[in-house]
Amino acid sequence: QVQLVESGGGLVQPGGSLRLSCAVSGLTKDYYAIGWFRQAPGKEREEVGCISSSDGSTWYAASVKGRFIFSRDNAKNTVYVRMNSLTPEDTAVYYCAALEGVYLCSGYEGFYDDWGQGTQVTVSS
């Protein structure tokens, strides 16, 4: 059973930075994607980006491109997102999700099968 656990959320002032971690276990496929999503109360869920297991290639949504950076540590079975230049509009619960059996991560927003519990990121004014 695939399990994902997010951590690292918290309260940060505008312009600040946070790093979120996603610990992944139970994956069995050779290729998979790890997506990062966020959802604010009353707002639709949006994908902020993803990273592939095959070559570490990444995709970023326009709203976070240039500010968020994904990385992975395969030895620790952990994926990270470094979030810089945070604004109040970045306030949301952030989730990581896994989709097994794909080579590239881009284009699978509606197909992720396994999800973490989420971690709250609050950017205060």
N, C-alpha and C. Protein backbone atom coordinates (compact mmCIF):
# COMPACT_ATOMS: atom_id res chain seq x y z
N GLN A 1 0.84 -1.18 0.00
CA GLN A 1 0.00 0.00 0.00
C GLN A 1 0.88 1.24 0.00
N VAL A 2 0.61 2.15 -0.90
CA VAL A 2 1.38 3.37 -1.01
C VAL A 2 0.97 4.32 0.10
N GLN A 3 1.96 4.90 0.75
CA GLN A 3 1.70 5.88 1.79
C GLN A 3 2.57 7.10 1.56
N LEU A 4 1.98 8.28 1.70
CA LEU A 4 2.69 9.53 1.57
C LEU A 4 2.40 10.38 2.79
N VAL A 5 3.43 10.97 3.36
CA VAL A 5 3.30 11.78 4.55
C VAL A 5 4.00 13.11 4.33
N GLU A 6 3.23 14.19 4.34
CA GLU A 6 3.79 15.53 4.19
C GLU A 6 4.20 16.09 5.54
N SER A 7 5.20 16.94 5.52
CA SER A 7 5.61 17.65 6.72
C SER A 7 6.30 18.94 6.32
N GLY A 8 6.46 19.83 7.27
CA GLY A 8 7.19 21.06 7.04
C GLY A 8 6.34 22.31 6.93
N GLY A 9 5.02 22.16 6.96
CA GLY A 9 4.16 23.32 6.88
C GLY A 9 4.23 24.16 8.14
N GLY A 10 3.70 25.35 8.05
CA GLY A 10 3.69 26.24 9.20
C GLY A 10 3.31 27.64 8.80
N LEU A 11 3.60 28.56 9.70
CA LEU A 11 3.29 29.97 9.52
C LEU A 11 4.54 30.71 9.07
N VAL A 12 4.40 31.50 8.02
CA VAL A 12 5.52 32.26 7.49
C VAL A 12 5.01 33.62 7.02
N GLN A 13 5.85 34.63 7.13
CA GLN A 13 5.48 35.96 6.68
C GLN A 13 5.65 36.09 5.17
N PRO A 14 4.91 37.01 4.56
CA PRO A 14 5.10 37.23 3.12
C PRO A 14 6.56 37.50 2.79
N GLY A 15 7.00 36.89 1.70
CA GLY A 15 8.39 36.99 1.30
C GLY A 15 9.28 35.92 1.87
N GLY A 16 8.75 35.15 2.81
CA GLY A 16 9.53 34.10 3.44
C GLY A 16 9.54 32.83 2.64
N SER A 17 10.19 31.82 3.21
CA SER A 17 10.38 30.54 2.54
C SER A 17 10.05 29.39 3.48
N LEU A 18 9.64 28.29 2.90
CA LEU A 18 9.42 27.04 3.60
C LEU A 18 9.86 25.89 2.71
N ARG A 19 10.24 24.79 3.33
CA ARG A 19 10.49 23.57 2.60
C ARG A 19 9.57 22.48 3.13
N LEU A 20 8.80 21.91 2.23
CA LEU A 20 7.93 20.80 2.56
C LEU A 20 8.58 19.49 2.15
N SER A 21 8.32 18.46 2.93
CA SER A 21 8.82 17.13 2.64
C SER A 21 7.66 16.19 2.40
N CYS A 22 7.87 15.22 1.55
CA CYS A 22 6.90 14.17 1.28
C CYS A 22 7.62 12.84 1.35
N ALA A 23 7.39 12.10 2.42
CA ALA A 23 7.98 10.78 2.58
C ALA A 23 7.07 9.75 1.94
N VAL A 24 7.62 8.94 1.05
CA VAL A 24 6.85 8.00 0.25
C VAL A 24 7.29 6.59 0.57
N SER A 25 6.33 5.70 0.71
CA SER A 25 6.62 4.29 0.92
C SER A 25 5.60 3.44 0.18
N GLY A 26 5.96 2.21 -0.11
CA GLY A 26 5.04 1.26 -0.71
C GLY A 26 4.96 1.28 -2.22
N LEU A 27 5.76 2.09 -2.89
CA LEU A 27 5.74 2.11 -4.35
C LEU A 27 6.39 0.85 -4.90
N THR A 28 5.80 0.28 -5.94
CA THR A 28 6.30 -0.95 -6.52
C THR A 28 6.62 -0.86 -8.00
N LYS A 29 6.16 0.15 -8.70
CA LYS A 29 6.38 0.30 -10.14
C LYS A 29 7.74 0.91 -10.42
N ASP A 30 8.24 0.64 -11.63
CA ASP A 30 9.54 1.19 -12.02
C ASP A 30 9.49 2.69 -12.22
N TYR A 31 8.38 3.17 -12.75
CA TYR A 31 8.25 4.58 -13.06
C TYR A 31 7.02 5.15 -12.37
N TYR A 32 7.15 6.36 -11.87
CA TYR A 32 6.04 7.00 -11.19
C TYR A 32 6.27 8.50 -11.14
N ALA A 33 5.20 9.21 -10.86
CA ALA A 33 5.26 10.65 -10.71
C ALA A 33 4.81 11.03 -9.31
N ILE A 34 5.42 12.06 -8.78
CA ILE A 34 4.99 12.65 -7.52
C ILE A 34 4.51 14.07 -7.83
N GLY A 35 3.26 14.32 -7.55
CA GLY A 35 2.68 15.63 -7.78
C GLY A 35 2.50 16.39 -6.48
N TRP A 36 2.58 17.70 -6.59
CA TRP A 36 2.28 18.59 -5.47
C TRP A 36 1.03 19.38 -5.80
N PHE A 37 0.09 19.38 -4.87
CA PHE A 37 -1.18 20.06 -5.03
C PHE A 37 -1.43 20.96 -3.83
N ARG A 38 -2.32 21.91 -4.01
CA ARG A 38 -2.73 22.73 -2.88
C ARG A 38 -4.20 23.08 -3.01
N GLN A 39 -4.83 23.32 -1.87
CA GLN A 39 -6.23 23.70 -1.85
C GLN A 39 -6.49 24.63 -0.68
N ALA A 40 -7.02 25.79 -0.99
CA ALA A 40 -7.44 26.74 0.02
C ALA A 40 -8.93 26.60 0.26
N PRO A 41 -9.42 26.95 1.45
CA PRO A 41 -10.86 26.86 1.72
C PRO A 41 -11.67 27.64 0.69
N GLY A 42 -12.68 26.99 0.14
CA GLY A 42 -13.53 27.62 -0.85
C GLY A 42 -12.95 27.71 -2.24
N LYS A 43 -11.76 27.18 -2.43
CA LYS A 43 -11.10 27.24 -3.72
C LYS A 43 -10.92 25.84 -4.29
N GLU A 44 -10.79 25.78 -5.59
CA GLU A 44 -10.55 24.50 -6.23
C GLU A 44 -9.13 24.02 -5.97
N ARG A 45 -8.97 22.70 -6.00
CA ARG A 45 -7.64 22.15 -5.87
C ARG A 45 -6.85 22.44 -7.14
N GLU A 46 -5.60 22.77 -6.98
CA GLU A 46 -4.74 23.02 -8.12
C GLU A 46 -3.43 22.28 -7.96
N GLU A 47 -2.91 21.84 -9.08
CA GLU A 47 -1.59 21.23 -9.08
C GLU A 47 -0.55 22.32 -9.22
N VAL A 48 0.41 22.32 -8.32
CA VAL A 48 1.47 23.32 -8.39
C VAL A 48 2.69 22.80 -9.12
N GLY A 49 2.78 21.49 -9.28
CA GLY A 49 3.90 20.93 -10.02
C GLY A 49 4.07 19.46 -9.76
N CYS A 50 5.11 18.90 -10.35
CA CYS A 50 5.37 17.48 -10.20
C CYS A 50 6.82 17.18 -10.51
N ILE A 51 7.24 16.00 -10.09
CA ILE A 51 8.58 15.53 -10.37
C ILE A 51 8.50 14.05 -10.72
N SER A 52 9.28 13.62 -11.69
CA SER A 52 9.24 12.24 -12.14
C SER A 52 10.35 11.43 -11.50
N SER A 53 10.09 10.14 -11.34
CA SER A 53 11.09 9.26 -10.76
C SER A 53 12.17 8.88 -11.75
N SER A 54 11.83 8.87 -13.04
CA SER A 54 12.73 8.37 -14.06
C SER A 54 14.01 9.18 -14.18
N ASP A 55 13.86 10.49 -14.32
CA ASP A 55 15.02 11.35 -14.52
C ASP A 55 14.99 12.60 -13.66
N GLY A 56 14.01 12.71 -12.79
CA GLY A 56 13.90 13.88 -11.95
C GLY A 56 13.37 15.11 -12.65
N SER A 57 12.84 14.95 -13.85
CA SER A 57 12.31 16.10 -14.57
C SER A 57 11.11 16.67 -13.82
N THR A 58 10.89 17.95 -13.98
CA THR A 58 9.86 18.65 -13.23
C THR A 58 8.98 19.48 -14.13
N TRP A 59 7.81 19.79 -13.62
CA TRP A 59 6.89 20.72 -14.25
C TRP A 59 6.34 21.62 -13.15
N TYR A 60 6.19 22.91 -13.46
CA TYR A 60 5.69 23.87 -12.49
C TYR A 60 4.52 24.65 -13.07
N ALA A 61 3.51 24.85 -12.26
CA ALA A 61 2.41 25.71 -12.65
C ALA A 61 2.91 27.15 -12.75
N ALA A 62 2.25 27.92 -13.61
CA ALA A 62 2.68 29.30 -13.82
C ALA A 62 2.65 30.11 -12.53
N SER A 63 1.72 29.77 -11.63
CA SER A 63 1.58 30.52 -10.40
C SER A 63 2.76 30.39 -9.46
N VAL A 64 3.55 29.33 -9.62
CA VAL A 64 4.67 29.09 -8.71
C VAL A 64 6.00 28.99 -9.43
N LYS A 65 6.00 29.00 -10.74
CA LYS A 65 7.23 28.85 -11.49
C LYS A 65 8.20 29.97 -11.15
N GLY A 66 9.42 29.59 -10.89
CA GLY A 66 10.44 30.55 -10.49
C GLY A 66 10.52 30.77 -9.00
N ARG A 67 9.52 30.29 -8.24
CA ARG A 67 9.51 30.43 -6.79
C ARG A 67 9.61 29.09 -6.07
N PHE A 68 9.01 28.06 -6.63
CA PHE A 68 9.02 26.73 -6.04
C PHE A 68 10.03 25.86 -6.77
N ILE A 69 10.73 25.02 -6.03
CA ILE A 69 11.71 24.12 -6.61
C ILE A 69 11.50 22.73 -6.03
N PHE A 70 11.29 21.75 -6.91
CA PHE A 70 11.13 20.36 -6.48
C PHE A 70 12.47 19.63 -6.53
N SER A 71 12.63 18.70 -5.61
CA SER A 71 13.80 17.86 -5.61
C SER A 71 13.45 16.53 -4.97
N ARG A 72 14.34 15.59 -5.07
CA ARG A 72 14.10 14.28 -4.48
C ARG A 72 15.38 13.70 -3.92
N ASP A 73 15.22 12.88 -2.91
CA ASP A 73 16.32 12.12 -2.32
C ASP A 73 15.87 10.67 -2.33
N ASN A 74 16.29 9.94 -3.34
CA ASN A 74 15.84 8.56 -3.49
C ASN A 74 16.29 7.67 -2.34
N ALA A 75 17.46 7.95 -1.79
CA ALA A 75 17.95 7.15 -0.67
C ALA A 75 17.06 7.28 0.54
N LYS A 76 16.43 8.43 0.70
CA LYS A 76 15.53 8.67 1.82
C LYS A 76 14.06 8.49 1.45
N ASN A 77 13.80 8.15 0.19
CA ASN A 77 12.43 8.00 -0.30
C ASN A 77 11.60 9.24 0.02
N THR A 78 12.18 10.38 -0.25
CA THR A 78 11.56 11.64 0.11
C THR A 78 11.64 12.63 -1.05
N VAL A 79 10.56 13.36 -1.26
CA VAL A 79 10.48 14.42 -2.24
C VAL A 79 10.28 15.73 -1.50
N TYR A 80 10.88 16.79 -2.02
CA TYR A 80 10.83 18.09 -1.37
C TYR A 80 10.31 19.16 -2.32
N VAL A 81 9.70 20.17 -1.74
CA VAL A 81 9.43 21.39 -2.47
C VAL A 81 9.92 22.56 -1.62
N ARG A 82 10.83 23.33 -2.18
CA ARG A 82 11.29 24.55 -1.56
C ARG A 82 10.44 25.69 -2.10
N MET A 83 9.77 26.39 -1.22
CA MET A 83 8.87 27.46 -1.60
C MET A 83 9.47 28.79 -1.17
N ASN A 84 9.74 29.64 -2.14
CA ASN A 84 10.35 30.93 -1.89
C ASN A 84 9.39 32.06 -2.25
N SER A 85 9.69 33.24 -1.74
CA SER A 85 8.92 34.45 -2.04
C SER A 85 7.43 34.23 -1.85
N LEU A 86 7.07 33.66 -0.72
CA LEU A 86 5.68 33.30 -0.47
C LEU A 86 4.81 34.54 -0.29
N THR A 87 3.59 34.43 -0.77
CA THR A 87 2.59 35.47 -0.65
C THR A 87 1.36 34.91 0.04
N PRO A 88 0.46 35.78 0.53
CA PRO A 88 -0.77 35.26 1.15
C PRO A 88 -1.58 34.37 0.22
N GLU A 89 -1.45 34.56 -1.09
CA GLU A 89 -2.17 33.72 -2.04
C GLU A 89 -1.65 32.29 -2.07
N ASP A 90 -0.50 32.05 -1.47
CA ASP A 90 0.03 30.70 -1.37
C ASP A 90 -0.53 29.94 -0.17
N THR A 91 -1.31 30.59 0.67
CA THR A 91 -1.89 29.93 1.83
C THR A 91 -2.83 28.82 1.39
N ALA A 92 -2.58 27.61 1.87
CA ALA A 92 -3.38 26.46 1.48
C ALA A 92 -2.89 25.24 2.23
N VAL A 93 -3.66 24.17 2.14
CA VAL A 93 -3.17 22.86 2.54
C VAL A 93 -2.45 22.26 1.34
N TYR A 94 -1.23 21.84 1.54
CA TYR A 94 -0.42 21.29 0.47
C TYR A 94 -0.36 19.77 0.59
N TYR A 95 -0.59 19.10 -0.52
CA TYR A 95 -0.60 17.65 -0.59
C TYR A 95 0.43 17.16 -1.58
N CYS A 96 1.00 16.01 -1.30
CA CYS A 96 1.73 15.29 -2.32
C CYS A 96 0.93 14.05 -2.70
N ALA A 97 1.11 13.61 -3.93
CA ALA A 97 0.37 12.48 -4.46
C ALA A 97 1.26 11.68 -5.40
N ALA A 98 0.94 10.41 -5.55
CA ALA A 98 1.73 9.51 -6.38
C ALA A 98 0.88 8.90 -7.47
N LEU A 99 1.48 8.75 -8.63
CA LEU A 99 0.87 8.05 -9.75
C LEU A 99 1.91 7.11 -10.32
N GLU A 100 1.67 5.82 -10.19
CA GLU A 100 2.63 4.83 -10.63
C GLU A 100 2.40 4.46 -12.09
N GLY A 101 3.48 4.07 -12.75
CA GLY A 101 3.40 3.56 -14.11
C GLY A 101 3.52 4.60 -15.20
N VAL A 102 3.99 5.78 -14.87
CA VAL A 102 4.20 6.81 -15.87
C VAL A 102 5.64 7.25 -15.86
N TYR A 103 6.12 7.66 -17.03
CA TYR A 103 7.51 8.06 -17.16
C TYR A 103 7.70 9.54 -16.89
N LEU A 104 6.84 10.35 -17.48
CA LEU A 104 6.88 11.79 -17.26
C LEU A 104 5.75 12.19 -16.33
N CYS A 105 5.91 13.27 -15.60
CA CYS A 105 4.90 13.65 -14.62
C CYS A 105 3.87 14.63 -15.17
N SER A 106 4.18 15.35 -16.21
CA SER A 106 3.30 16.39 -16.71
C SER A 106 2.07 15.81 -17.39
N GLY A 107 0.91 16.42 -17.13
CA GLY A 107 -0.31 16.06 -17.83
C GLY A 107 -1.20 15.04 -17.15
N TYR A 108 -0.95 14.74 -15.89
CA TYR A 108 -1.71 13.71 -15.18
C TYR A 108 -2.47 14.27 -13.98
N GLU A 109 -2.86 15.52 -14.04
CA GLU A 109 -3.47 16.20 -12.88
C GLU A 109 -4.65 15.43 -12.30
N GLY A 110 -5.48 14.86 -13.15
CA GLY A 110 -6.68 14.19 -12.68
C GLY A 110 -6.54 12.71 -12.44
N PHE A 111 -5.31 12.19 -12.42
CA PHE A 111 -5.13 10.75 -12.38
C PHE A 111 -4.31 10.23 -11.21
N TYR A 112 -3.93 11.07 -10.29
CA TYR A 112 -3.14 10.60 -9.15
C TYR A 112 -3.98 9.71 -8.25
N ASP A 113 -3.40 8.60 -7.83
CA ASP A 113 -4.13 7.56 -7.11
C ASP A 113 -3.96 7.63 -5.60
N ASP A 114 -2.80 7.99 -5.13
CA ASP A 114 -2.48 7.95 -3.72
C ASP A 114 -2.10 9.33 -3.22
N TRP A 115 -2.63 9.68 -2.06
CA TRP A 115 -2.50 11.03 -1.53
C TRP A 115 -2.05 11.02 -0.08
N GLY A 116 -1.29 12.04 0.29
CA GLY A 116 -0.97 12.25 1.68
C GLY A 116 -2.07 12.99 2.39
N GLN A 117 -1.88 13.22 3.67
CA GLN A 117 -2.87 13.90 4.51
C GLN A 117 -2.83 15.41 4.38
N GLY A 118 -1.74 15.94 3.88
CA GLY A 118 -1.61 17.37 3.70
C GLY A 118 -0.92 18.05 4.87
N THR A 119 -0.35 19.20 4.58
CA THR A 119 0.27 20.03 5.60
C THR A 119 -0.11 21.48 5.33
N GLN A 120 -0.47 22.18 6.39
CA GLN A 120 -0.97 23.55 6.26
C GLN A 120 0.18 24.53 6.10
N VAL A 121 0.07 25.38 5.10
CA VAL A 121 0.98 26.50 4.91
C VAL A 121 0.16 27.78 5.02
N THR A 122 0.53 28.63 5.96
CA THR A 122 -0.15 29.89 6.16
C THR A 122 0.85 31.03 6.00
N VAL A 123 0.57 31.91 5.05
CA VAL A 123 1.40 33.07 4.80
C VAL A 123 0.64 34.29 5.32
N SER A 124 1.10 34.84 6.41
CA SER A 124 0.40 35.92 7.08
C SER A 124 0.86 37.28 6.57
N SER A 125 -0.01 38.27 6.75
CA SER A 125 0.32 39.62 6.36
C SER A 125 0.96 40.38 7.51
